[in-house]
Amino acid sequence: MNEPVIVHIESTTRDKLRKLDKELPSDIHLVRYRKPTWKKKEKVSAIRAFRKVDIFDNLHDQGYEVLEIDSGYGRIKPKLFGYGK
């Protein structure tokens, strides 16, 4: 059974995610992807998912080519993310 895949930040960079590290859940991944018809354009998004394979499957099913999935961002436990301080 696939876990939910949530696009947390539509357009971002590696540096922006590092700056937001303490405010993000630990299940967030930096993902670079593109449509096969795009010549040079690619998207970089912060996507929440428990497993990288769930991200890959979701994007592949939508017709995207996944170029990179990088993890290691975020400090907040996923089940505690979204609650007040």
Protein backbone atom coordinates (compact mmCIF):
# COMPACT_ATOMS: atom_id res chain seq x y z
CA MET A 1 0.00 0.00 0.00
CA ASN A 2 1.41 3.37 -1.01
CA GLU A 3 1.76 6.08 1.59
CA PRO A 4 0.54 9.60 0.77
CA VAL A 5 2.81 11.87 -1.25
CA ILE A 6 2.41 15.58 -0.50
CA VAL A 7 4.04 18.41 -2.46
CA HIS A 8 5.02 20.66 0.44
CA ILE A 9 6.88 23.38 -1.52
CA GLU A 10 6.21 23.53 -5.28
CA SER A 11 9.36 25.39 -6.32
CA THR A 12 12.45 25.51 -4.11
CA THR A 13 16.23 25.06 -3.96
CA ARG A 14 18.63 23.04 -1.82
CA ASP A 15 19.74 26.23 -0.02
CA LYS A 16 16.16 27.26 0.80
CA LEU A 17 15.49 23.85 2.33
CA ARG A 18 18.65 24.06 4.43
CA LYS A 19 17.54 27.44 5.79
CA LEU A 20 14.09 26.05 6.67
CA ASP A 21 15.55 22.84 8.15
CA LYS A 22 14.30 23.41 11.72
CA GLU A 23 10.77 24.18 10.49
CA LEU A 24 10.31 21.15 8.21
CA PRO A 25 9.25 17.56 8.94
CA SER A 26 11.96 14.91 8.70
CA ASP A 27 10.09 13.03 5.95
CA ILE A 28 10.67 15.79 3.38
CA HIS A 29 12.73 15.16 0.23
CA LEU A 30 14.22 17.46 -2.38
CA VAL A 31 13.07 16.13 -5.76
CA ARG A 32 14.27 17.15 -9.23
CA TYR A 33 11.99 16.04 -12.05
CA ARG A 34 10.81 16.95 -15.54
CA LYS A 35 8.47 15.94 -18.33
CA PRO A 36 10.20 14.00 -21.12
CA THR A 37 9.00 16.63 -23.62
CA TRP A 38 10.76 19.47 -21.79
CA LYS A 39 14.11 20.28 -23.42
CA LYS A 40 16.04 22.00 -20.60
CA LYS A 41 13.36 22.88 -18.04
CA GLU A 42 13.11 20.95 -14.77
CA LYS A 43 11.22 21.37 -11.51
CA VAL A 44 12.69 21.21 -8.01
CA SER A 45 10.17 20.63 -5.22
CA ALA A 46 10.07 19.69 -1.55
CA ILE A 47 7.87 16.60 -1.31
CA ARG A 48 6.75 14.73 1.81
CA ALA A 49 6.65 10.94 1.74
CA PHE A 50 7.78 8.13 4.01
CA ARG A 51 9.61 6.26 1.24
CA LYS A 52 11.42 7.52 -1.85
CA VAL A 53 9.77 4.83 -3.96
CA ASP A 54 6.36 6.36 -3.20
CA ILE A 55 7.57 9.69 -4.64
CA PHE A 56 9.02 7.99 -7.70
CA ASP A 57 5.85 5.97 -8.35
CA ASN A 58 3.60 9.01 -7.95
CA LEU A 59 5.62 11.24 -10.30
CA HIS A 60 6.18 8.44 -12.83
CA ASP A 61 2.43 7.77 -12.95
CA GLN A 62 1.90 11.48 -13.72
CA GLY A 63 4.31 11.25 -16.66
CA TYR A 64 7.39 12.84 -15.08
CA GLU A 65 10.98 11.65 -15.33
CA VAL A 66 12.59 11.67 -11.87
CA LEU A 67 16.16 12.99 -11.96
CA GLU A 68 17.04 13.04 -8.26
CA ILE A 69 15.49 12.36 -4.86
CA ASP A 70 17.57 13.69 -1.96
CA SER A 71 16.66 13.23 1.69
CA GLY A 72 18.09 14.48 4.99
CA TYR A 73 16.07 17.67 5.41
CA GLY A 74 13.83 18.61 8.31
CA ARG A 75 14.08 18.12 12.06
CA ILE A 76 10.47 17.71 13.19
CA LYS A 77 8.96 14.25 13.64
CA PRO A 78 6.32 13.81 10.93
CA LYS A 79 3.53 13.00 13.38
CA LEU A 80 4.26 16.22 15.32
CA PHE A 81 4.52 18.48 12.27
CA GLY A 82 1.77 21.08 12.10
CA TYR A 83 1.14 21.39 15.82
CA GLY A 84 1.75 24.71 17.62
CA LYS A 85 4.92 25.35 19.58
